[in-house]
N, C-alpha and C. Protein backbone atom coordinates (compact mmCIF):
# COMPACT_ATOMS: atom_id res chain seq x y z
N MET A 1 47.08 -44.51 -58.68
CA MET A 1 47.09 -44.00 -57.67
C MET A 1 46.59 -46.15 -56.90
N SER A 2 47.63 -45.87 -56.27
CA SER A 2 47.77 -47.71 -55.77
C SER A 2 46.95 -47.33 -54.91
N LYS A 3 45.69 -48.76 -54.73
CA LYS A 3 44.38 -48.94 -54.02
C LYS A 3 44.76 -49.76 -52.84
N PRO A 4 44.33 -49.08 -51.80
CA PRO A 4 44.73 -49.89 -50.54
C PRO A 4 43.93 -51.20 -50.63
N GLY A 5 44.67 -52.07 -49.15
CA GLY A 5 44.39 -53.13 -49.01
C GLY A 5 42.78 -53.26 -48.85
N LYS A 6 41.78 -54.81 -48.61
CA LYS A 6 40.62 -54.68 -48.19
C LYS A 6 40.80 -53.78 -46.66
N LEU A 7 41.74 -53.96 -45.84
CA LEU A 7 41.47 -54.03 -44.44
C LEU A 7 41.43 -52.18 -44.55
N ALA A 8 42.19 -51.95 -45.30
CA ALA A 8 42.60 -50.15 -45.47
C ALA A 8 41.40 -49.69 -45.55
N SER A 9 40.63 -50.58 -47.00
CA SER A 9 39.50 -49.63 -47.48
C SER A 9 38.24 -49.54 -46.23
N MET A 10 38.38 -50.75 -45.64
CA MET A 10 37.37 -50.97 -45.06
C MET A 10 37.21 -50.06 -43.66
N ILE A 11 38.75 -50.03 -43.30
CA ILE A 11 38.93 -48.77 -42.22
C ILE A 11 38.69 -47.43 -42.49
N ILE A 12 39.22 -46.73 -43.74
CA ILE A 12 38.32 -45.27 -44.27
C ILE A 12 36.69 -45.45 -44.47
N THR A 13 36.18 -46.44 -44.60
CA THR A 13 34.96 -46.51 -45.20
C THR A 13 33.77 -46.29 -43.34
N THR A 14 34.72 -47.36 -42.45
CA THR A 14 33.83 -47.24 -41.40
C THR A 14 34.49 -45.70 -40.67
N VAL A 15 35.79 -45.10 -40.55
CA VAL A 15 35.68 -44.08 -40.00
C VAL A 15 34.89 -42.84 -40.57
N SER A 16 35.10 -43.21 -41.95
CA SER A 16 33.99 -42.38 -42.38
C SER A 16 32.54 -42.12 -42.10
N LEU A 17 32.10 -43.13 -41.98
CA LEU A 17 30.46 -43.41 -41.65
C LEU A 17 30.72 -43.14 -39.89
N ILE A 18 31.52 -43.82 -39.45
CA ILE A 18 31.63 -43.05 -37.67
C ILE A 18 31.38 -41.40 -37.73
N LEU A 19 32.00 -40.72 -38.62
CA LEU A 19 32.35 -39.40 -38.68
C LEU A 19 30.80 -38.72 -38.83
N LEU A 20 30.22 -39.03 -39.69
CA LEU A 20 29.35 -38.78 -40.39
C LEU A 20 27.79 -38.86 -39.65
N SER A 21 28.64 -39.96 -38.86
CA SER A 21 27.15 -40.17 -37.36
C SER A 21 27.44 -39.05 -36.47
N VAL A 22 28.29 -38.90 -35.65
CA VAL A 22 28.72 -37.54 -35.16
C VAL A 22 28.54 -36.58 -35.49
N PHE A 23 28.58 -36.35 -36.75
CA PHE A 23 28.21 -35.10 -37.46
C PHE A 23 27.10 -34.97 -37.51
N ILE A 24 26.00 -35.92 -38.12
CA ILE A 24 24.75 -35.75 -37.45
C ILE A 24 24.00 -35.78 -36.33
N PHE A 25 24.83 -36.03 -35.02
CA PHE A 25 24.16 -35.97 -33.90
C PHE A 25 24.21 -34.59 -33.08
N ILE A 26 25.55 -34.02 -34.23
CA ILE A 26 25.95 -32.55 -33.61
C ILE A 26 25.20 -32.14 -33.85
N LEU A 27 24.80 -31.81 -35.14
CA LEU A 27 23.75 -30.97 -35.50
C LEU A 27 22.36 -30.95 -35.15
N ALA A 28 22.01 -32.72 -34.92
CA ALA A 28 20.41 -32.64 -34.57
C ALA A 28 20.47 -31.96 -33.16
N ALA A 29 21.85 -32.11 -32.50
CA ALA A 29 21.77 -31.65 -30.34
C ALA A 29 22.08 -30.38 -30.50
N ASN A 30 22.48 -29.62 -31.78
CA ASN A 30 22.46 -28.04 -31.51
C ASN A 30 21.93 -27.79 -33.03
N GLU A 31 20.98 -26.69 -32.48
CA GLU A 31 20.69 -26.06 -33.57
C GLU A 31 21.35 -25.16 -34.72
N VAL A 32 22.34 -24.65 -33.98
CA VAL A 32 23.30 -23.71 -34.99
C VAL A 32 24.60 -24.68 -35.23
N LEU A 33 25.20 -24.12 -36.37
CA LEU A 33 26.74 -25.05 -36.57
C LEU A 33 27.57 -24.94 -35.66
N PRO A 34 27.77 -25.81 -35.04
CA PRO A 34 29.20 -25.06 -34.02
C PRO A 34 30.60 -25.52 -34.88
N PHE A 35 31.63 -25.00 -33.57
CA PHE A 35 32.50 -24.96 -34.41
C PHE A 35 32.80 -26.93 -34.52
N PRO A 36 32.81 -27.62 -33.83
CA PRO A 36 32.97 -28.85 -33.71
C PRO A 36 32.76 -29.90 -34.80
N ALA A 37 31.25 -29.52 -35.51
CA ALA A 37 30.57 -29.71 -36.70
C ALA A 37 31.40 -29.15 -37.88
N ILE A 38 31.45 -28.18 -37.79
CA ILE A 38 32.78 -27.55 -38.67
C ILE A 38 34.25 -28.09 -39.32
N LEU A 39 34.35 -28.57 -37.58
CA LEU A 39 35.74 -29.38 -38.19
C LEU A 39 35.65 -31.09 -38.18
N ILE A 40 34.80 -31.70 -37.69
CA ILE A 40 34.10 -32.90 -38.36
C ILE A 40 34.03 -32.97 -40.10
N CYS A 41 33.34 -31.90 -40.42
CA CYS A 41 32.98 -31.79 -42.01
C CYS A 41 34.19 -31.96 -42.71
N GLY A 42 34.90 -30.69 -42.40
CA GLY A 42 36.22 -30.78 -42.79
C GLY A 42 36.70 -31.96 -43.00
N LEU A 43 37.18 -32.75 -42.07
CA LEU A 43 37.43 -33.70 -42.21
C LEU A 43 37.10 -35.30 -42.34
N LEU A 44 35.17 -34.80 -43.21
CA LEU A 44 33.92 -36.17 -43.09
C LEU A 44 34.27 -36.10 -44.28
N THR A 45 34.32 -34.94 -45.65
CA THR A 45 33.80 -34.25 -46.93
C THR A 45 35.42 -35.18 -47.38
N PRO A 46 36.57 -34.90 -47.46
CA PRO A 46 37.51 -35.95 -48.06
C PRO A 46 37.68 -37.04 -47.76
N ALA A 47 36.96 -36.94 -46.54
CA ALA A 47 36.88 -38.65 -46.35
C ALA A 47 35.62 -39.66 -47.34
N ILE A 48 34.77 -38.48 -47.35
CA ILE A 48 33.65 -39.41 -48.66
C ILE A 48 33.86 -39.43 -49.56
N VAL A 49 34.80 -38.66 -50.06
CA VAL A 49 35.20 -38.51 -51.40
C VAL A 49 35.57 -39.47 -51.53
N THR A 50 36.63 -39.64 -50.98
CA THR A 50 37.49 -40.38 -51.30
C THR A 50 37.03 -42.05 -51.08
N CYS A 51 36.22 -42.28 -50.61
CA CYS A 51 35.71 -43.38 -50.52
C CYS A 51 35.04 -44.00 -51.33
N ALA A 52 33.90 -43.00 -51.78
CA ALA A 52 33.10 -42.77 -53.37
C ALA A 52 34.28 -42.71 -54.62
N GLY A 53 35.17 -42.10 -54.63
CA GLY A 53 36.21 -42.25 -55.36
C GLY A 53 36.85 -43.86 -55.54
N TYR A 54 37.51 -44.90 -54.18
CA TYR A 54 37.85 -45.64 -54.35
C TYR A 54 36.09 -47.15 -54.93
N SER A 55 35.20 -46.76 -54.71
CA SER A 55 34.52 -47.97 -54.77
C SER A 55 34.21 -46.99 -56.26
N ILE A 56 33.82 -46.33 -56.88
CA ILE A 56 34.02 -46.42 -58.19
C ILE A 56 35.51 -46.98 -59.04
N TYR A 57 36.60 -46.49 -58.00
CA TYR A 57 37.64 -47.07 -58.80
C TYR A 57 37.68 -48.14 -58.97
N TYR A 58 37.25 -49.31 -58.04
CA TYR A 58 37.40 -50.78 -57.40
C TYR A 58 36.10 -51.23 -58.56
N GLN A 59 35.09 -50.38 -59.13
CA GLN A 59 34.03 -50.46 -60.06
C GLN A 59 35.31 -50.87 -61.66
N ILE A 60 35.63 -49.96 -61.89
CA ILE A 60 36.35 -49.67 -63.27
C ILE A 60 37.27 -50.70 -63.29
N GLU A 61 37.88 -50.91 -62.19
CA GLU A 61 39.07 -52.52 -62.20
C GLU A 61 38.68 -53.58 -62.62
N LEU A 62 37.31 -53.57 -61.76
CA LEU A 62 36.99 -55.11 -62.10
C LEU A 62 36.45 -55.21 -63.16
N LYS A 63 35.69 -54.43 -64.14
CA LYS A 63 34.86 -53.91 -65.39
C LYS A 63 36.36 -54.02 -66.18
N THR A 64 37.45 -53.81 -66.43
CA THR A 64 37.96 -53.29 -67.17
C THR A 64 39.56 -54.51 -66.79
N GLY A 65 39.59 -54.82 -66.06
CA GLY A 65 40.81 -55.16 -65.74
C GLY A 65 42.35 -54.44 -65.48
N LYS A 66 41.97 -52.86 -66.01
CA LYS A 66 43.14 -51.93 -65.75
C LYS A 66 42.96 -51.51 -64.77
N THR A 67 44.42 -51.09 -64.05
CA THR A 67 44.52 -49.90 -63.33
C THR A 67 44.22 -48.17 -63.67
N VAL A 68 42.93 -47.56 -62.78
CA VAL A 68 42.95 -46.24 -64.14
C VAL A 68 43.38 -44.81 -62.61
N ARG A 69 45.14 -44.81 -62.86
CA ARG A 69 45.43 -43.51 -61.45
C ARG A 69 44.47 -42.50 -61.48
N THR A 70 43.75 -41.93 -62.41
CA THR A 70 43.16 -41.07 -62.36
C THR A 70 42.02 -40.81 -61.98
N ALA A 71 41.30 -41.88 -62.04
CA ALA A 71 39.69 -42.03 -61.50
C ALA A 71 39.29 -41.63 -59.95
N ILE A 72 40.44 -41.58 -59.15
CA ILE A 72 40.05 -41.17 -57.86
C ILE A 72 39.83 -39.58 -57.67
N PRO A 73 40.90 -39.19 -57.93
CA PRO A 73 41.36 -37.55 -58.55
C PRO A 73 40.36 -36.69 -58.72
N LEU A 74 39.95 -37.18 -60.18
CA LEU A 74 38.52 -37.03 -61.46
C LEU A 74 37.39 -37.16 -60.11
N ILE A 75 36.66 -37.88 -59.53
CA ILE A 75 35.27 -38.09 -58.69
C ILE A 75 36.16 -37.01 -57.80
N CYS A 76 36.79 -36.74 -56.84
CA CYS A 76 37.29 -35.70 -56.35
C CYS A 76 37.28 -33.71 -56.83
N LEU A 77 37.36 -34.24 -57.71
CA LEU A 77 36.54 -32.74 -58.60
C LEU A 77 35.73 -32.74 -58.99
N ALA A 78 35.49 -34.12 -59.26
CA ALA A 78 33.79 -33.59 -60.11
C ALA A 78 32.59 -33.32 -58.77
N ALA A 79 33.19 -33.96 -57.69
CA ALA A 79 33.03 -33.75 -56.06
C ALA A 79 32.73 -31.83 -56.38
N ALA A 80 33.92 -31.63 -56.07
CA ALA A 80 33.84 -29.93 -55.67
C ALA A 80 33.44 -29.03 -56.54
N VAL A 81 33.12 -29.67 -58.10
CA VAL A 81 32.53 -28.98 -59.05
C VAL A 81 30.95 -28.72 -58.69
N ILE A 82 30.86 -30.24 -58.57
CA ILE A 82 29.15 -29.90 -58.34
C ILE A 82 28.84 -29.55 -57.21
N SER A 83 29.26 -29.41 -55.79
CA SER A 83 29.22 -28.64 -54.52
C SER A 83 29.01 -27.11 -55.03
N GLY A 84 30.35 -26.76 -56.02
CA GLY A 84 30.32 -25.22 -56.07
C GLY A 84 29.52 -25.19 -57.22
N VAL A 85 28.50 -25.42 -58.04
CA VAL A 85 27.90 -25.06 -58.54
C VAL A 85 26.29 -25.05 -57.53
N ILE A 86 26.08 -25.87 -56.84
CA ILE A 86 25.10 -26.18 -56.43
C ILE A 86 25.22 -24.96 -55.53
N GLY A 87 26.31 -24.34 -54.96
CA GLY A 87 26.45 -23.07 -54.06
C GLY A 87 26.30 -22.40 -54.55
N TYR A 88 26.43 -22.06 -55.96
CA TYR A 88 26.40 -20.78 -56.97
C TYR A 88 24.58 -20.45 -57.13
N ILE A 89 24.48 -21.14 -57.70
CA ILE A 89 23.00 -21.70 -57.94
C ILE A 89 22.21 -21.49 -56.34
N ASN A 90 22.49 -21.76 -55.43
CA ASN A 90 21.88 -21.14 -54.04
C ASN A 90 22.37 -20.34 -53.81
N TYR A 91 23.36 -19.19 -54.34
CA TYR A 91 23.51 -18.18 -53.77
C TYR A 91 23.00 -17.20 -54.64
N VAL A 92 22.76 -17.46 -56.04
CA VAL A 92 21.90 -16.61 -56.90
C VAL A 92 20.20 -16.74 -56.28
N ASN A 93 19.77 -18.02 -56.19
CA ASN A 93 18.69 -17.60 -55.99
C ASN A 93 18.14 -17.16 -54.41
N ASP A 94 19.09 -16.75 -53.68
CA ASP A 94 19.04 -16.75 -52.18
C ASP A 94 18.30 -15.36 -52.54
N HIS A 95 16.94 -14.79 -51.29
CA HIS A 95 16.30 -13.43 -51.35
C HIS A 95 16.48 -13.16 -50.36
N SER A 96 16.92 -13.70 -49.30
CA SER A 96 17.39 -13.45 -47.68
C SER A 96 18.24 -12.05 -47.50
N PHE A 97 17.21 -11.04 -46.81
CA PHE A 97 18.46 -10.08 -46.93
C PHE A 97 19.62 -10.11 -45.73
N ILE A 98 18.68 -10.43 -44.37
CA ILE A 98 19.89 -10.59 -43.76
C ILE A 98 21.04 -11.79 -43.62
N LEU A 99 21.01 -13.19 -44.28
CA LEU A 99 21.49 -13.92 -44.25
C LEU A 99 22.32 -14.24 -45.98
N ARG A 100 22.58 -13.42 -46.16
CA ARG A 100 22.25 -13.05 -48.17
C ARG A 100 24.06 -13.93 -48.42
N GLY A 101 23.95 -14.98 -49.06
CA GLY A 101 24.68 -15.68 -49.18
C GLY A 101 25.20 -17.10 -48.26
N LEU A 102 25.17 -16.80 -47.20
CA LEU A 102 25.37 -17.30 -46.01
C LEU A 102 25.06 -19.15 -46.40
N GLU A 103 24.57 -19.63 -46.81
CA GLU A 103 24.25 -21.07 -47.16
C GLU A 103 25.30 -21.54 -48.54
N ALA A 104 25.58 -20.34 -48.91
CA ALA A 104 26.38 -20.79 -50.57
C ALA A 104 27.59 -20.71 -49.79
N GLN A 105 27.77 -19.96 -49.13
CA GLN A 105 29.14 -20.37 -48.51
C GLN A 105 29.64 -20.73 -47.31
N LEU A 106 28.77 -21.63 -46.77
CA LEU A 106 28.87 -22.86 -45.73
C LEU A 106 28.91 -24.21 -47.05
N ILE A 107 28.46 -23.83 -47.72
CA ILE A 107 28.70 -25.08 -49.04
C ILE A 107 29.95 -25.24 -49.88
N TRP A 108 30.21 -23.97 -50.47
CA TRP A 108 31.69 -23.66 -50.30
C TRP A 108 32.65 -24.24 -49.48
N PHE A 109 32.56 -23.72 -48.44
CA PHE A 109 33.57 -23.53 -47.23
C PHE A 109 33.40 -25.17 -46.85
N LEU A 110 32.69 -26.21 -46.72
CA LEU A 110 32.66 -27.31 -45.79
C LEU A 110 32.71 -28.39 -46.89
N PHE A 111 32.18 -28.05 -48.02
CA PHE A 111 31.92 -28.97 -49.26
C PHE A 111 32.89 -28.96 -50.26
N SER A 112 32.73 -27.69 -51.00
CA SER A 112 33.63 -27.45 -52.63
C SER A 112 34.99 -27.69 -51.98
N LEU A 113 35.29 -26.91 -51.03
CA LEU A 113 36.72 -26.61 -50.56
C LEU A 113 37.41 -28.41 -50.48
N PRO A 114 36.97 -28.56 -49.26
CA PRO A 114 37.87 -29.89 -49.10
C PRO A 114 37.67 -30.95 -49.85
N ALA A 115 36.64 -30.97 -50.75
CA ALA A 115 36.95 -31.93 -52.49
C ALA A 115 37.86 -31.00 -53.13
N LEU A 116 38.15 -30.09 -53.00
CA LEU A 116 38.87 -29.54 -54.23
C LEU A 116 40.07 -29.61 -53.43
N VAL A 117 40.57 -29.94 -52.11
CA VAL A 117 42.09 -30.12 -51.74
C VAL A 117 42.13 -31.46 -51.72
N THR A 118 41.26 -32.31 -51.47
CA THR A 118 41.83 -33.71 -51.67
C THR A 118 41.92 -34.19 -52.77
N ALA A 119 41.22 -33.57 -54.29
CA ALA A 119 41.50 -33.93 -55.49
C ALA A 119 42.49 -33.40 -56.02
N ILE A 120 43.51 -32.57 -55.41
CA ILE A 120 45.07 -31.62 -55.16
C ILE A 120 45.77 -33.34 -54.94
N VAL A 121 45.41 -33.42 -53.70
CA VAL A 121 46.37 -34.15 -53.11
C VAL A 121 46.43 -35.61 -54.05
N HIS A 122 45.11 -35.78 -54.23
CA HIS A 122 45.22 -36.95 -55.15
C HIS A 122 45.68 -37.26 -56.42
N PHE A 123 45.78 -35.83 -56.90
CA PHE A 123 46.30 -35.70 -58.19
C PHE A 123 48.16 -35.40 -58.31
N ILE A 124 48.53 -35.12 -57.28
CA ILE A 124 49.93 -35.01 -56.69
C ILE A 124 50.56 -36.52 -56.40
N ALA A 125 49.54 -37.28 -55.48
CA ALA A 125 49.86 -38.87 -55.23
C ALA A 125 50.14 -39.79 -56.86
N ALA A 126 49.07 -39.16 -57.71
CA ALA A 126 49.10 -40.59 -58.73
C ALA A 126 50.27 -39.80 -59.96
N TYR A 127 50.50 -38.46 -59.57
CA TYR A 127 51.56 -37.99 -60.51
C TYR A 127 52.37 -38.87 -60.01
N ILE A 128 53.34 -38.92 -58.85
CA ILE A 128 54.40 -39.55 -58.16
C ILE A 128 54.41 -40.97 -58.48
N GLN A 129 53.64 -41.81 -58.34
CA GLN A 129 53.19 -42.92 -58.57
C GLN A 129 53.56 -43.09 -59.88
N ASN A 130 52.68 -42.32 -60.88
CA ASN A 130 53.35 -42.58 -62.43
C ASN A 130 54.72 -42.45 -62.85
N HIS A 131 55.71 -40.97 -62.50
CA HIS A 131 56.37 -41.21 -62.11
C HIS A 131 57.80 -41.90 -61.55
N LYS A 132 57.44 -42.62 -60.97
CA LYS A 132 58.03 -43.65 -60.00
C LYS A 132 58.11 -45.04 -61.02
N GLU A 133 56.73 -45.90 -61.94
CA GLU A 133 57.07 -46.27 -62.45
C GLU A 133 57.65 -46.19 -63.75
N LEU A 134 57.50 -45.22 -64.13
CA LEU A 134 57.90 -44.71 -65.35
C LEU A 134 59.50 -44.79 -65.53
N ASN A 135 60.36 -44.54 -63.96
CA ASN A 135 61.81 -44.44 -64.04
C ASN A 135 62.46 -45.65 -63.72
N LYS A 136 60.75 -46.66 -63.28
CA LYS A 136 61.50 -48.03 -63.16
C LYS A 136 61.41 -48.39 -64.39
N LEU A 137 60.43 -48.19 -64.77
CA LEU A 137 60.66 -49.39 -66.61
C LEU A 137 61.69 -48.45 -67.22
N LYS A 138 62.10 -47.21 -67.18
CA LYS A 138 63.08 -47.04 -68.09
C LYS A 138 64.27 -47.40 -67.56
N TYR A 139 64.86 -47.46 -66.69
CA TYR A 139 66.29 -48.08 -65.90
C TYR A 139 65.95 -49.57 -66.12
N ASP A 140 64.93 -50.41 -65.92
CA ASP A 140 64.82 -51.79 -66.32
C ASP A 140 65.08 -52.18 -67.75
N SER A 141 64.70 -51.30 -68.89
CA SER A 141 65.01 -51.65 -70.30
C SER A 141 66.31 -51.61 -70.58
């Protein structure tokens, strides 16, 4: 995965933090989860997971001096798996008869699914970049 420039990285982080603040405001203003909050959370989760992936990617590159293209997709996949496990634990431990499993379904729908889609997109992008570099090295030799 090629890293974005510092400006692009700052823009991604700023936009995700702005979306996070809007999301928190909407949840505070409305006691029920409204449609705009669901839409913002669907956009916010991939942005935050990607920002976390890039920050860990930069740390790995800084320590080792090597480019690790699969770091960002693996971090996104780990976020999807962790939120899926948290949702499953919530589903198993839910003893409410009326809202049985609603919190778990919201966790799966709002966090796990967007993180999984983000991981798939980053894996595809990393594969395409690796394929291009291998072809370039193959034809340059």
